[in-house]
């Protein structure tokens, strides 16, 4: 058994949470696309989410400032796309879920 499996501070042991770091790398690609298509605020939010994701998933704790910032930025990206940037999508793609 790993030492972190019984730790009261670490929520997810590092040998498991490091797998999530692979998927975090896709955020930098999306950030680059937002920069190319001139979604400037979204680009800044995505870069902040990328940095906070790396810090968060490196050592996932039950609570902490890194986790709080990560959650706020993740929600901020979703809200920003939903409220502000959805009007820049083509009409066909904007209402394709309805």
N, C-alpha and C. Protein backbone atom coordinates (compact mmCIF):
# COMPACT_ATOMS: atom_id res chain seq x y z
N UNK A 1 0.85 -1.18 0.00
CA UNK A 1 0.00 0.00 0.00
C UNK A 1 0.89 1.24 0.00
N UNK A 2 0.48 2.23 -0.76
CA UNK A 2 1.22 3.48 -0.83
C UNK A 2 0.94 4.33 0.42
N UNK A 3 1.91 5.13 0.79
CA UNK A 3 1.79 5.98 1.98
C UNK A 3 0.66 6.99 1.84
N UNK A 4 0.46 7.53 0.64
CA UNK A 4 -0.55 8.58 0.44
C UNK A 4 -1.97 8.04 0.46
N UNK A 5 -2.16 6.74 0.42
CA UNK A 5 -3.52 6.19 0.48
C UNK A 5 -4.16 6.40 1.85
N UNK A 6 -3.33 6.56 2.87
CA UNK A 6 -3.84 6.76 4.23
C UNK A 6 -3.61 8.18 4.73
N UNK A 7 -3.19 9.08 3.86
CA UNK A 7 -2.90 10.46 4.25
C UNK A 7 -4.21 11.24 4.42
N UNK A 8 -4.26 12.08 5.44
CA UNK A 8 -5.46 12.90 5.70
C UNK A 8 -5.47 14.20 4.91
N UNK A 9 -4.35 14.56 4.30
CA UNK A 9 -4.26 15.82 3.55
C UNK A 9 -4.45 15.59 2.06
N UNK A 10 -3.86 14.53 1.54
CA UNK A 10 -3.91 14.23 0.11
C UNK A 10 -5.22 13.52 -0.22
N UNK A 11 -5.99 14.09 -1.14
CA UNK A 11 -7.27 13.50 -1.55
C UNK A 11 -7.06 12.34 -2.52
N UNK A 12 -6.24 12.59 -3.54
CA UNK A 12 -5.94 11.57 -4.54
C UNK A 12 -4.43 11.36 -4.53
N UNK A 13 -3.95 10.13 -4.36
CA UNK A 13 -2.51 9.89 -4.35
C UNK A 13 -1.85 10.34 -5.64
N UNK A 14 -0.61 10.78 -5.53
CA UNK A 14 0.07 11.38 -6.68
C UNK A 14 0.27 10.40 -7.83
N UNK A 15 0.47 9.14 -7.56
CA UNK A 15 0.68 8.20 -8.66
C UNK A 15 -0.60 8.02 -9.48
N UNK A 16 -1.75 8.37 -8.92
CA UNK A 16 -3.01 8.33 -9.66
C UNK A 16 -3.30 9.68 -10.31
N UNK A 17 -3.09 10.77 -9.58
CA UNK A 17 -3.43 12.10 -10.10
C UNK A 17 -2.50 12.55 -11.22
N UNK A 18 -1.34 11.96 -11.33
CA UNK A 18 -0.42 12.35 -12.41
C UNK A 18 -0.97 11.94 -13.78
N UNK A 19 -1.86 10.98 -13.82
CA UNK A 19 -2.49 10.59 -15.08
C UNK A 19 -3.32 11.75 -15.61
N UNK A 20 -3.95 12.53 -14.71
CA UNK A 20 -4.75 13.68 -15.13
C UNK A 20 -3.88 14.77 -15.74
N UNK A 21 -2.61 14.80 -15.39
CA UNK A 21 -1.72 15.82 -15.96
C UNK A 21 -1.55 15.65 -17.47
N UNK A 22 -1.78 14.45 -17.97
CA UNK A 22 -1.71 14.23 -19.42
C UNK A 22 -2.82 15.00 -20.12
N UNK A 23 -4.03 14.94 -19.59
CA UNK A 23 -5.15 15.62 -20.23
C UNK A 23 -5.09 17.13 -20.04
N UNK A 24 -4.38 17.60 -19.03
CA UNK A 24 -4.25 19.05 -18.80
C UNK A 24 -3.50 19.71 -19.96
N UNK A 25 -2.64 18.96 -20.62
CA UNK A 25 -1.85 19.53 -21.71
C UNK A 25 -2.71 19.98 -22.89
N UNK A 26 -3.91 19.44 -23.00
CA UNK A 26 -4.81 19.87 -24.07
C UNK A 26 -5.32 21.30 -23.84
N UNK A 27 -5.29 21.77 -22.61
CA UNK A 27 -5.73 23.14 -22.33
C UNK A 27 -4.84 24.16 -23.00
N UNK A 28 -3.54 23.89 -23.08
CA UNK A 28 -2.64 24.84 -23.73
C UNK A 28 -2.93 24.91 -25.23
N UNK A 29 -3.36 23.79 -25.82
CA UNK A 29 -3.75 23.79 -27.22
C UNK A 29 -5.01 24.63 -27.44
N UNK A 30 -5.99 24.48 -26.57
CA UNK A 30 -7.22 25.27 -26.66
C UNK A 30 -6.91 26.75 -26.42
N UNK A 31 -5.99 27.03 -25.51
CA UNK A 31 -5.58 28.41 -25.26
C UNK A 31 -4.94 29.01 -26.51
N UNK A 32 -4.13 28.24 -27.21
CA UNK A 32 -3.52 28.69 -28.46
C UNK A 32 -4.58 28.97 -29.53
N UNK A 33 -5.57 28.10 -29.62
CA UNK A 33 -6.65 28.33 -30.58
C UNK A 33 -7.45 29.58 -30.23
N UNK A 34 -7.68 29.82 -28.95
CA UNK A 34 -8.38 31.03 -28.53
C UNK A 34 -7.56 32.27 -28.89
N UNK A 35 -6.25 32.17 -28.80
CA UNK A 35 -5.38 33.28 -29.18
C UNK A 35 -5.44 33.54 -30.68
N UNK A 36 -5.42 32.48 -31.49
CA UNK A 36 -5.46 32.63 -32.94
C UNK A 36 -6.78 33.26 -33.38
N UNK A 37 -7.89 32.83 -32.79
CA UNK A 37 -9.20 33.34 -33.18
C UNK A 37 -9.61 34.59 -32.41
N UNK A 38 -8.66 35.18 -31.70
CA UNK A 38 -8.82 36.46 -31.01
C UNK A 38 -9.91 36.44 -29.94
N UNK A 39 -10.00 35.34 -29.21
CA UNK A 39 -10.82 35.27 -28.00
C UNK A 39 -9.88 35.62 -26.84
N UNK A 40 -9.55 36.90 -26.70
CA UNK A 40 -8.47 37.31 -25.81
C UNK A 40 -8.76 37.02 -24.34
N UNK A 41 -9.93 37.37 -23.86
CA UNK A 41 -10.26 37.10 -22.45
C UNK A 41 -10.29 35.61 -22.18
N UNK A 42 -10.84 34.85 -23.11
CA UNK A 42 -10.88 33.41 -22.95
C UNK A 42 -9.48 32.83 -22.95
N UNK A 43 -8.60 33.37 -23.76
CA UNK A 43 -7.21 32.92 -23.81
C UNK A 43 -6.54 33.11 -22.45
N UNK A 44 -6.75 34.26 -21.83
CA UNK A 44 -6.16 34.53 -20.51
C UNK A 44 -6.75 33.59 -19.46
N UNK A 45 -8.06 33.39 -19.51
CA UNK A 45 -8.70 32.47 -18.56
C UNK A 45 -8.19 31.04 -18.74
N UNK A 46 -8.04 30.61 -19.98
CA UNK A 46 -7.56 29.26 -20.24
C UNK A 46 -6.12 29.07 -19.80
N UNK A 47 -5.30 30.10 -19.98
CA UNK A 47 -3.91 29.98 -19.53
C UNK A 47 -3.85 29.91 -18.00
N UNK A 48 -4.66 30.71 -17.34
CA UNK A 48 -4.74 30.62 -15.88
C UNK A 48 -5.24 29.26 -15.43
N UNK A 49 -6.22 28.72 -16.15
CA UNK A 49 -6.73 27.39 -15.84
C UNK A 49 -5.66 26.33 -16.07
N UNK A 50 -4.86 26.49 -17.10
CA UNK A 50 -3.77 25.56 -17.39
C UNK A 50 -2.76 25.53 -16.24
N UNK A 51 -2.33 26.70 -15.79
CA UNK A 51 -1.35 26.78 -14.70
C UNK A 51 -1.94 26.23 -13.41
N UNK A 52 -3.17 26.63 -13.09
CA UNK A 52 -3.77 26.14 -11.85
C UNK A 52 -4.07 24.64 -11.92
N UNK A 53 -4.36 24.12 -13.10
CA UNK A 53 -4.59 22.68 -13.25
C UNK A 53 -3.33 21.89 -12.98
N UNK A 54 -2.21 22.38 -13.49
CA UNK A 54 -0.94 21.69 -13.24
C UNK A 54 -0.64 21.69 -11.74
N UNK A 55 -0.82 22.83 -11.10
CA UNK A 55 -0.56 22.90 -9.67
C UNK A 55 -1.53 22.04 -8.87
N UNK A 56 -2.78 22.04 -9.27
CA UNK A 56 -3.80 21.27 -8.54
C UNK A 56 -3.61 19.77 -8.72
N UNK A 57 -3.45 19.30 -9.94
CA UNK A 57 -3.39 17.87 -10.20
C UNK A 57 -2.04 17.26 -9.84
N UNK A 58 -1.05 18.09 -9.60
CA UNK A 58 0.22 17.57 -9.13
C UNK A 58 0.09 16.99 -7.73
N UNK A 59 -0.69 17.64 -6.88
CA UNK A 59 -0.91 17.18 -5.51
C UNK A 59 -2.31 17.59 -5.09
N UNK A 60 -3.28 16.72 -5.32
CA UNK A 60 -4.68 17.03 -5.05
C UNK A 60 -4.94 16.90 -3.55
N UNK A 61 -5.32 18.03 -2.94
CA UNK A 61 -5.60 18.04 -1.51
C UNK A 61 -7.10 18.19 -1.29
N UNK A 62 -7.53 17.90 -0.06
CA UNK A 62 -8.94 18.05 0.28
C UNK A 62 -9.39 19.50 0.17
N UNK A 63 -8.54 20.42 0.61
CA UNK A 63 -8.87 21.85 0.54
C UNK A 63 -7.57 22.63 0.43
N UNK A 64 -7.69 23.86 -0.04
CA UNK A 64 -6.51 24.71 -0.18
C UNK A 64 -6.76 25.81 -1.18
N UNK A 65 -5.84 26.76 -1.22
CA UNK A 65 -5.98 27.92 -2.11
C UNK A 65 -5.85 27.52 -3.57
N UNK A 66 -4.98 26.56 -3.88
CA UNK A 66 -4.81 26.11 -5.26
C UNK A 66 -6.08 25.45 -5.76
N UNK A 67 -6.70 24.64 -4.94
CA UNK A 67 -7.95 23.99 -5.34
C UNK A 67 -9.06 25.02 -5.55
N UNK A 68 -9.13 26.01 -4.68
CA UNK A 68 -10.14 27.06 -4.81
C UNK A 68 -9.95 27.86 -6.09
N UNK A 69 -8.70 28.24 -6.39
CA UNK A 69 -8.42 28.99 -7.62
C UNK A 69 -8.73 28.14 -8.85
N UNK A 70 -8.37 26.87 -8.79
CA UNK A 70 -8.65 25.96 -9.90
C UNK A 70 -10.16 25.86 -10.18
N UNK A 71 -10.94 25.70 -9.13
CA UNK A 71 -12.40 25.58 -9.29
C UNK A 71 -12.99 26.89 -9.81
N UNK A 72 -12.52 28.02 -9.29
CA UNK A 72 -13.03 29.32 -9.76
C UNK A 72 -12.70 29.55 -11.23
N UNK A 73 -11.48 29.22 -11.65
CA UNK A 73 -11.11 29.41 -13.05
C UNK A 73 -11.87 28.45 -13.97
N UNK A 74 -12.06 27.22 -13.54
CA UNK A 74 -12.81 26.26 -14.36
C UNK A 74 -14.25 26.74 -14.56
N UNK A 75 -14.87 27.18 -13.48
CA UNK A 75 -16.23 27.73 -13.60
C UNK A 75 -16.25 29.02 -14.40
N UNK A 76 -15.20 29.83 -14.25
CA UNK A 76 -15.11 31.08 -15.01
C UNK A 76 -15.02 30.84 -16.51
N UNK A 77 -14.26 29.82 -16.91
CA UNK A 77 -14.15 29.50 -18.34
C UNK A 77 -15.50 29.06 -18.88
N UNK A 78 -16.19 28.20 -18.16
CA UNK A 78 -17.50 27.71 -18.61
C UNK A 78 -18.50 28.87 -18.71
N UNK A 79 -18.53 29.72 -17.70
CA UNK A 79 -19.46 30.86 -17.72
C UNK A 79 -19.11 31.85 -18.81
N UNK A 80 -17.84 32.10 -19.02
CA UNK A 80 -17.42 33.06 -20.06
C UNK A 80 -17.83 32.58 -21.44
N UNK A 81 -17.61 31.30 -21.73
CA UNK A 81 -18.02 30.76 -23.04
C UNK A 81 -19.53 30.80 -23.17
N UNK A 82 -20.24 30.46 -22.11
CA UNK A 82 -21.70 30.41 -22.16
C UNK A 82 -22.32 31.79 -22.30
N UNK A 83 -21.80 32.77 -21.58
CA UNK A 83 -22.43 34.09 -21.55
C UNK A 83 -21.92 35.01 -22.66
N UNK A 84 -20.61 35.08 -22.86
CA UNK A 84 -20.05 36.08 -23.76
C UNK A 84 -19.68 35.54 -25.13
N UNK A 85 -18.99 34.43 -25.19
CA UNK A 85 -18.45 33.98 -26.46
C UNK A 85 -19.41 33.16 -27.30
N UNK A 86 -20.54 32.77 -26.76
CA UNK A 86 -21.48 31.98 -27.55
C UNK A 86 -22.06 32.79 -28.72
N UNK A 87 -22.06 34.10 -28.61
CA UNK A 87 -22.60 34.93 -29.68
C UNK A 87 -21.66 35.02 -30.87
N UNK A 88 -20.42 34.62 -30.70
CA UNK A 88 -19.46 34.62 -31.80
C UNK A 88 -19.52 33.33 -32.60
N UNK A 89 -20.24 32.31 -32.11
CA UNK A 89 -20.39 31.06 -32.84
C UNK A 89 -21.37 31.27 -33.98
N UNK A 90 -21.26 30.47 -35.01
CA UNK A 90 -22.22 30.54 -36.11
C UNK A 90 -23.59 30.13 -35.60
N UNK A 91 -24.62 30.68 -36.21
CA UNK A 91 -25.99 30.42 -35.78
C UNK A 91 -26.30 28.92 -35.81
N UNK A 92 -25.77 28.21 -36.79
CA UNK A 92 -26.02 26.78 -36.91
C UNK A 92 -25.50 26.02 -35.71
N UNK A 93 -24.31 26.39 -35.22
CA UNK A 93 -23.70 25.67 -34.11
C UNK A 93 -24.20 26.15 -32.75
N UNK A 94 -24.68 27.37 -32.69
CA UNK A 94 -25.14 27.92 -31.42
C UNK A 94 -26.37 27.20 -30.90
N UNK A 95 -27.28 26.82 -31.79
CA UNK A 95 -28.53 26.20 -31.35
C UNK A 95 -28.65 24.75 -31.80
N UNK A 96 -27.53 24.09 -32.02
CA UNK A 96 -27.59 22.71 -32.50
C UNK A 96 -28.05 21.74 -31.41
N UNK A 97 -27.95 22.12 -30.14
CA UNK A 97 -28.38 21.24 -29.04
C UNK A 97 -29.88 21.34 -28.79
N UNK A 98 -30.54 22.36 -29.30
CA UNK A 98 -31.95 22.56 -29.02
C UNK A 98 -32.81 21.74 -29.96
